[in-house]
């Protein structure tokens, strides 16, 4: 089997300066699972896939969850026996 039977003819690209949100919108709008990423001179910089975007967003959410957990621990440590916040 040759590649012609399996590759998409609907090739969409974006600049390397695009945000994850812009890339995701392009994928959604064009019904594709990956984008070619180009430099300003149109040189190929790489390929970004839906999995890449999901992984990056998952890492952001994990980081946010860690920050919220630390803040919660800090607030709990400030609560006295009476249940009121101490200064």
N, C-alpha and C. Protein backbone atom coordinates (compact mmCIF):
# COMPACT_ATOMS: atom_id res chain seq x y z
N UNK A 1 0.85 -1.17 0.00
CA UNK A 1 0.00 0.00 0.00
C UNK A 1 0.90 1.24 0.00
N UNK A 2 0.55 2.22 -0.81
CA UNK A 2 1.34 3.44 -0.81
C UNK A 2 0.67 4.53 0.02
N UNK A 3 1.43 5.54 0.36
CA UNK A 3 0.94 6.61 1.23
C UNK A 3 -0.22 7.39 0.64
N UNK A 4 -0.30 7.43 -0.65
CA UNK A 4 -1.36 8.18 -1.31
C UNK A 4 -2.76 7.73 -0.86
N UNK A 5 -2.88 6.49 -0.46
CA UNK A 5 -4.17 5.95 -0.02
C UNK A 5 -4.53 6.34 1.40
N UNK A 6 -3.56 6.81 2.20
CA UNK A 6 -3.85 7.08 3.61
C UNK A 6 -3.63 8.52 4.06
N UNK A 7 -2.90 9.31 3.30
CA UNK A 7 -2.64 10.67 3.79
C UNK A 7 -3.79 11.60 3.42
N UNK A 8 -3.90 12.67 4.18
CA UNK A 8 -4.96 13.66 3.96
C UNK A 8 -4.53 14.66 2.89
N UNK A 9 -5.42 15.00 2.03
CA UNK A 9 -5.14 16.03 1.04
C UNK A 9 -5.46 17.41 1.60
N UNK A 10 -6.16 17.42 2.72
CA UNK A 10 -6.52 18.67 3.38
C UNK A 10 -5.40 19.05 4.36
N UNK A 11 -4.35 19.67 3.83
CA UNK A 11 -3.20 20.03 4.66
C UNK A 11 -3.38 21.47 5.14
N UNK A 12 -3.34 21.63 6.44
CA UNK A 12 -3.51 22.95 7.06
C UNK A 12 -2.23 23.27 7.79
N UNK A 13 -1.84 24.53 7.74
CA UNK A 13 -0.60 24.92 8.43
C UNK A 13 -0.83 26.17 9.25
N UNK A 14 0.09 26.39 10.17
CA UNK A 14 0.06 27.57 11.01
C UNK A 14 1.49 28.01 11.27
N UNK A 15 1.65 29.22 11.70
CA UNK A 15 2.98 29.75 12.02
C UNK A 15 3.41 29.27 13.41
N UNK A 16 4.70 29.19 13.62
CA UNK A 16 5.24 28.74 14.90
C UNK A 16 4.91 29.71 16.03
N UNK A 17 4.51 30.92 15.70
CA UNK A 17 4.14 31.91 16.72
C UNK A 17 2.69 31.77 17.18
N UNK A 18 1.92 30.86 16.58
CA UNK A 18 0.51 30.67 16.96
C UNK A 18 0.41 30.12 18.37
N UNK A 19 -0.70 30.41 19.01
CA UNK A 19 -0.95 29.86 20.35
C UNK A 19 -1.58 28.47 20.24
N UNK A 20 -1.59 27.74 21.33
CA UNK A 20 -2.25 26.44 21.36
C UNK A 20 -3.73 26.58 21.01
N UNK A 21 -4.34 27.64 21.52
CA UNK A 21 -5.76 27.85 21.26
C UNK A 21 -6.01 28.12 19.77
N UNK A 22 -5.14 28.89 19.14
CA UNK A 22 -5.29 29.14 17.70
C UNK A 22 -5.12 27.86 16.90
N UNK A 23 -4.14 27.04 17.28
CA UNK A 23 -3.90 25.78 16.58
C UNK A 23 -5.11 24.85 16.75
N UNK A 24 -5.65 24.77 17.96
CA UNK A 24 -6.80 23.92 18.21
C UNK A 24 -8.01 24.38 17.39
N UNK A 25 -8.20 25.68 17.30
CA UNK A 25 -9.32 26.22 16.51
C UNK A 25 -9.15 25.87 15.03
N UNK A 26 -7.93 25.99 14.51
CA UNK A 26 -7.68 25.62 13.12
C UNK A 26 -8.01 24.15 12.88
N UNK A 27 -7.56 23.29 13.79
CA UNK A 27 -7.84 21.87 13.65
C UNK A 27 -9.34 21.61 13.65
N UNK A 28 -10.03 22.25 14.58
CA UNK A 28 -11.48 22.07 14.68
C UNK A 28 -12.18 22.58 13.42
N UNK A 29 -11.81 23.78 12.99
CA UNK A 29 -12.45 24.39 11.82
C UNK A 29 -12.23 23.59 10.53
N UNK A 30 -11.06 22.97 10.42
CA UNK A 30 -10.71 22.24 9.19
C UNK A 30 -10.86 20.72 9.33
N UNK A 31 -11.31 20.27 10.51
CA UNK A 31 -11.53 18.84 10.75
C UNK A 31 -10.28 18.02 10.49
N UNK A 32 -9.16 18.48 11.05
CA UNK A 32 -7.90 17.75 10.92
C UNK A 32 -7.34 17.46 12.32
N UNK A 33 -6.50 16.46 12.40
CA UNK A 33 -5.91 16.07 13.68
C UNK A 33 -4.48 16.53 13.85
N UNK A 34 -3.93 17.22 12.83
CA UNK A 34 -2.55 17.70 12.92
C UNK A 34 -2.38 18.89 11.99
N UNK A 35 -1.41 19.73 12.32
CA UNK A 35 -1.08 20.90 11.51
C UNK A 35 0.40 20.91 11.19
N UNK A 36 0.74 21.36 10.00
CA UNK A 36 2.13 21.68 9.72
C UNK A 36 2.42 23.01 10.41
N UNK A 37 3.57 23.12 11.01
CA UNK A 37 3.98 24.36 11.67
C UNK A 37 5.15 24.93 10.89
N UNK A 38 5.02 26.18 10.45
CA UNK A 38 6.07 26.79 9.64
C UNK A 38 6.64 28.03 10.32
N UNK A 39 7.86 28.33 9.94
CA UNK A 39 8.53 29.54 10.38
C UNK A 39 8.07 30.69 9.49
N UNK A 40 8.39 31.94 9.87
CA UNK A 40 7.99 33.08 9.04
C UNK A 40 8.47 33.00 7.59
N UNK A 41 9.59 32.31 7.35
CA UNK A 41 10.10 32.16 5.98
C UNK A 41 9.49 30.95 5.27
N UNK A 42 8.44 30.38 5.85
CA UNK A 42 7.73 29.21 5.33
C UNK A 42 8.51 27.90 5.44
N UNK A 43 9.64 27.90 6.12
CA UNK A 43 10.37 26.65 6.36
C UNK A 43 9.58 25.82 7.37
N UNK A 44 9.57 24.51 7.17
CA UNK A 44 8.85 23.62 8.07
C UNK A 44 9.54 23.59 9.43
N UNK A 45 8.78 23.90 10.48
CA UNK A 45 9.32 23.85 11.84
C UNK A 45 8.95 22.54 12.52
N UNK A 46 7.83 21.94 12.11
CA UNK A 46 7.40 20.70 12.71
C UNK A 46 5.94 20.43 12.44
N UNK A 47 5.40 19.50 13.20
CA UNK A 47 4.00 19.11 13.10
C UNK A 47 3.45 19.08 14.52
N UNK A 48 2.25 19.63 14.69
CA UNK A 48 1.59 19.57 16.00
C UNK A 48 0.29 18.80 15.82
N UNK A 49 0.02 17.91 16.76
CA UNK A 49 -1.18 17.08 16.68
C UNK A 49 -2.13 17.41 17.83
N UNK A 50 -3.33 16.88 17.73
CA UNK A 50 -4.30 17.03 18.81
C UNK A 50 -3.71 16.47 20.10
N UNK A 51 -3.03 15.34 20.02
CA UNK A 51 -2.41 14.75 21.21
C UNK A 51 -1.39 15.69 21.84
N UNK A 52 -0.64 16.41 21.02
CA UNK A 52 0.33 17.37 21.55
C UNK A 52 -0.38 18.48 22.34
N UNK A 53 -1.46 18.98 21.79
CA UNK A 53 -2.20 20.06 22.45
C UNK A 53 -2.85 19.56 23.74
N UNK A 54 -3.45 18.38 23.70
CA UNK A 54 -4.06 17.81 24.90
C UNK A 54 -3.00 17.60 25.98
N UNK A 55 -1.84 17.10 25.59
CA UNK A 55 -0.76 16.89 26.56
C UNK A 55 -0.30 18.18 27.20
N UNK A 56 -0.17 19.23 26.39
CA UNK A 56 0.27 20.53 26.92
C UNK A 56 -0.78 21.11 27.87
N UNK A 57 -2.05 21.00 27.50
CA UNK A 57 -3.12 21.51 28.36
C UNK A 57 -3.22 20.70 29.65
N UNK A 58 -3.02 19.39 29.57
CA UNK A 58 -3.05 18.55 30.76
C UNK A 58 -1.93 18.95 31.73
N UNK A 59 -0.76 19.26 31.18
CA UNK A 59 0.35 19.70 32.03
C UNK A 59 0.02 21.03 32.70
N UNK A 60 -0.63 21.94 31.96
CA UNK A 60 -1.04 23.22 32.55
C UNK A 60 -2.02 23.00 33.69
N UNK A 61 -3.00 22.12 33.49
CA UNK A 61 -3.99 21.84 34.52
C UNK A 61 -3.36 21.18 35.74
N UNK A 62 -2.41 20.28 35.52
CA UNK A 62 -1.72 19.63 36.64
C UNK A 62 -0.95 20.66 37.45
N UNK A 63 -0.32 21.59 36.77
CA UNK A 63 0.42 22.65 37.46
C UNK A 63 -0.52 23.52 38.28
N UNK A 64 -1.65 23.87 37.69
CA UNK A 64 -2.65 24.67 38.39
C UNK A 64 -3.17 23.92 39.60
N UNK A 65 -3.42 22.63 39.44
CA UNK A 65 -3.89 21.81 40.56
C UNK A 65 -2.87 21.79 41.69
N UNK A 66 -1.59 21.71 41.35
CA UNK A 66 -0.54 21.74 42.37
C UNK A 66 -0.50 23.06 43.11
N UNK A 67 -0.68 24.16 42.37
CA UNK A 67 -0.69 25.48 43.01
C UNK A 67 -1.89 25.62 43.94
N UNK A 68 -3.05 25.15 43.51
CA UNK A 68 -4.24 25.25 44.34
C UNK A 68 -4.10 24.39 45.60
N UNK A 69 -3.51 23.20 45.45
CA UNK A 69 -3.28 22.34 46.60
C UNK A 69 -2.34 22.98 47.61
N UNK A 70 -1.29 23.62 47.13
CA UNK A 70 -0.35 24.31 48.03
C UNK A 70 -1.03 25.45 48.75
N UNK A 71 -1.86 26.21 48.03
CA UNK A 71 -2.57 27.33 48.64
C UNK A 71 -3.55 26.83 49.70
N UNK A 72 -4.23 25.73 49.43
CA UNK A 72 -5.16 25.16 50.39
C UNK A 72 -4.42 24.72 51.65
N UNK A 73 -3.28 24.06 51.49
CA UNK A 73 -2.49 23.65 52.66
C UNK A 73 -2.05 24.85 53.47
N UNK A 74 -1.67 25.91 52.79
CA UNK A 74 -1.24 27.14 53.47
C UNK A 74 -2.40 27.73 54.27
N UNK A 75 -3.58 27.76 53.70
CA UNK A 75 -4.74 28.32 54.39
C UNK A 75 -5.14 27.45 55.57
N UNK A 76 -5.09 26.14 55.41
CA UNK A 76 -5.43 25.23 56.51
C UNK A 76 -4.46 25.43 57.67
N UNK A 77 -3.19 25.63 57.37
CA UNK A 77 -2.19 25.85 58.41
C UNK A 77 -2.45 27.14 59.18
N UNK A 78 -3.10 28.10 58.55
CA UNK A 78 -3.38 29.39 59.21
C UNK A 78 -4.64 29.34 60.07
N UNK A 79 -5.44 28.28 59.96
CA UNK A 79 -6.68 28.19 60.73
C UNK A 79 -6.34 27.71 62.14
N UNK A 80 -6.83 28.42 63.13
CA UNK A 80 -6.60 28.05 64.53
C UNK A 80 -7.61 27.04 65.01
N UNK A 81 -7.52 26.66 66.27
CA UNK A 81 -8.46 25.70 66.89
C UNK A 81 -9.89 26.19 66.83
N UNK A 82 -10.10 27.51 66.85
CA UNK A 82 -11.46 28.05 66.83
C UNK A 82 -12.09 27.98 65.43
N UNK A 83 -11.31 27.66 64.46
CA UNK A 83 -11.84 27.61 63.10
C UNK A 83 -11.77 28.96 62.38
N UNK A 84 -11.19 29.95 63.06
CA UNK A 84 -11.07 31.27 62.44
C UNK A 84 -9.65 31.44 61.93
N UNK A 85 -9.52 32.21 60.88
CA UNK A 85 -8.20 32.49 60.33
C UNK A 85 -7.42 33.35 61.32
N UNK A 86 -6.16 33.01 61.51
CA UNK A 86 -5.30 33.82 62.35
C UNK A 86 -4.39 34.64 61.46
N UNK A 87 -3.84 35.69 61.98
CA UNK A 87 -2.97 36.53 61.16
C UNK A 87 -1.54 36.13 61.25
